Amino acid sequence: MRQCSGVLSIDDPYLYKYLHSDAPLMQALTDRRRTSNCVVYGRTLNTYALIQGLLNRGVRPSSIILAIPEANCHIEEYD
């Protein structure tokens, strides 16, 4: 499995570690002295639950960028 720096998946079983209030990522996103943005990509209820969780942890709404994919943009697998 390949990993990309700075990219998290909602399916990552350790996501809670990155989103813990003491984690470096959350400290960067909630630091009022400098601006850090995050992009949330998706169109499911999980996407909006993640955004709500970020807001509950103190991330500024203006720091969250929601990228909604078109309904037909995902690759379909064929047998």
C-alpha atoms as a PDB file:
ATOM      1  CA  MET A   1       0.000   0.000   0.000  1.00  0.00           C
ATOM      2  CA  ARG A   2       1.317   3.442  -0.936  1.00  0.00           C
ATOM      3  CA  GLN A   3       1.020   6.412   1.393  1.00  0.00           C
ATOM      4  CA  CYS A   4       0.910  10.096   0.522  1.00  0.00           C
ATOM      5  CA  SER A   5       2.230  12.711   2.886  1.00  0.00           C
ATOM      6  CA  GLY A   6      -0.505  14.957   4.261  1.00  0.00           C
ATOM      7  CA  VAL A   7      -3.394  12.772   3.067  1.00  0.00           C
ATOM      8  CA  LEU A   8      -5.679  10.946   5.487  1.00  0.00           C
ATOM      9  CA  SER A   9      -8.453   8.485   4.763  1.00  0.00           C
ATOM     10  CA  ILE A  10     -11.637   8.269   6.759  1.00  0.00           C
ATOM     11  CA  ASP A  11     -11.124   4.486   6.546  1.00  0.00           C
ATOM     12  CA  ASP A  12      -7.775   4.701   8.370  1.00  0.00           C
ATOM     13  CA  PRO A  13      -8.190   2.750  11.641  1.00  0.00           C
ATOM     14  CA  TYR A  14      -5.784   5.199  13.345  1.00  0.00           C
ATOM     15  CA  LEU A  15      -7.547   8.372  12.195  1.00  0.00           C
ATOM     16  CA  TYR A  16      -8.522   9.166  15.768  1.00  0.00           C
ATOM     17  CA  LYS A  17      -4.817   9.581  16.618  1.00  0.00           C
ATOM     18  CA  TYR A  18      -4.408  12.307  13.989  1.00  0.00           C
ATOM     19  CA  LEU A  19      -7.586  14.075  15.066  1.00  0.00           C
ATOM     20  CA  HIS A  20      -6.936  13.956  18.812  1.00  0.00           C
ATOM     21  CA  SER A  21      -6.821  17.479  20.259  1.00  0.00           C
ATOM     22  CA  ASP A  22      -3.151  17.063  21.285  1.00  0.00           C
ATOM     23  CA  ALA A  23      -2.012  15.698  17.915  1.00  0.00           C
ATOM     24  CA  PRO A  24       0.286  17.898  15.788  1.00  0.00           C
ATOM     25  CA  LEU A  25      -2.262  18.036  12.961  1.00  0.00           C
ATOM     26  CA  MET A  26      -5.033  19.345  15.204  1.00  0.00           C
ATOM     27  CA  GLN A  27      -2.671  21.792  16.884  1.00  0.00           C
ATOM     28  CA  ALA A  28      -1.739  23.176  13.458  1.00  0.00           C
ATOM     29  CA  LEU A  29      -5.386  23.438  12.368  1.00  0.00           C
ATOM     30  CA  THR A  30      -6.467  25.199  15.562  1.00  0.00           C
ATOM     31  CA  ASP A  31      -3.452  27.543  15.880  1.00  0.00           C
ATOM     32  CA  ARG A  32      -4.911  31.060  15.766  1.00  0.00           C
ATOM     33  CA  ARG A  33      -1.506  32.654  15.015  1.00  0.00           C
ATOM     34  CA  ARG A  34      -1.170  31.115  11.573  1.00  0.00           C
ATOM     35  CA  THR A  35      -3.564  29.868   8.961  1.00  0.00           C
ATOM     36  CA  SER A  36      -3.668  26.178   8.099  1.00  0.00           C
ATOM     37  CA  ASN A  37      -6.309  24.832   5.768  1.00  0.00           C
ATOM     38  CA  CYS A  38      -7.582  21.316   5.261  1.00  0.00           C
ATOM     39  CA  VAL A  39      -9.487  19.882   2.328  1.00  0.00           C
ATOM     40  CA  VAL A  40     -12.224  17.369   3.008  1.00  0.00           C
ATOM     41  CA  TYR A  41     -13.153  15.355  -0.091  1.00  0.00           C
ATOM     42  CA  GLY A  42     -16.402  13.431  -0.291  1.00  0.00           C
ATOM     43  CA  ARG A  43     -20.144  13.508  -0.599  1.00  0.00           C
ATOM     44  CA  THR A  44     -21.353  11.099   2.091  1.00  0.00           C
ATOM     45  CA  LEU A  45     -22.674  11.518   5.601  1.00  0.00           C
ATOM     46  CA  ASN A  46     -19.195  10.559   6.851  1.00  0.00           C
ATOM     47  CA  THR A  47     -17.812  13.634   5.090  1.00  0.00           C
ATOM     48  CA  TYR A  48     -20.137  15.950   6.959  1.00  0.00           C
ATOM     49  CA  ALA A  49     -19.573  14.106  10.246  1.00  0.00           C
ATOM     50  CA  LEU A  50     -15.826  14.646   9.822  1.00  0.00           C
ATOM     51  CA  ILE A  51     -16.370  18.359   9.217  1.00  0.00           C
ATOM     52  CA  GLN A  52     -18.568  18.582  12.310  1.00  0.00           C
ATOM     53  CA  GLY A  53     -15.851  16.855  14.317  1.00  0.00           C
ATOM     54  CA  LEU A  54     -13.251  19.346  13.082  1.00  0.00           C
ATOM     55  CA  LEU A  55     -15.512  22.245  14.040  1.00  0.00           C
ATOM     56  CA  ASN A  56     -16.142  20.716  17.478  1.00  0.00           C
ATOM     57  CA  ARG A  57     -12.380  20.528  18.025  1.00  0.00           C
ATOM     58  CA  GLY A  58     -11.925  24.229  17.284  1.00  0.00           C
ATOM     59  CA  VAL A  59     -10.994  24.307  13.606  1.00  0.00           C
ATOM     60  CA  ARG A  60     -12.160  27.575  12.040  1.00  0.00           C
ATOM     61  CA  PRO A  61     -14.884  27.069   9.419  1.00  0.00           C
ATOM     62  CA  SER A  62     -12.890  29.232   7.002  1.00  0.00           C
ATOM     63  CA  SER A  63     -10.014  26.729   7.277  1.00  0.00           C
ATOM     64  CA  ILE A  64     -12.114  23.826   6.007  1.00  0.00           C
ATOM     65  CA  ILE A  65     -12.449  23.434   2.250  1.00  0.00           C
ATOM     66  CA  LEU A  66     -15.131  20.983   1.144  1.00  0.00           C
ATOM     67  CA  ALA A  67     -14.475  19.316  -2.222  1.00  0.00           C
ATOM     68  CA  ILE A  68     -17.579  17.502  -3.446  1.00  0.00           C
ATOM     69  CA  PRO A  69     -16.930  15.072  -6.298  1.00  0.00           C
ATOM     70  CA  GLU A  70     -19.429  14.694  -9.093  1.00  0.00           C
ATOM     71  CA  ALA A  71     -21.673  11.687  -8.671  1.00  0.00           C
ATOM     72  CA  ASN A  72     -20.189   9.909 -11.699  1.00  0.00           C
ATOM     73  CA  CYS A  73     -16.507  10.705 -11.209  1.00  0.00           C
ATOM     74  CA  HIS A  74     -15.453   7.480  -9.485  1.00  0.00           C
ATOM     75  CA  ILE A  75     -13.945   4.597 -11.384  1.00  0.00           C
ATOM     76  CA  GLU A  76     -16.131   1.553 -11.676  1.00  0.00           C
ATOM     77  CA  GLU A  77     -14.591  -1.924 -11.574  1.00  0.00           C
ATOM     78  CA  TYR A  78     -15.664  -4.492 -14.123  1.00  0.00           C
ATOM     79  CA  ASP A  79     -15.252  -8.262 -13.940  1.00  0.00           C
END
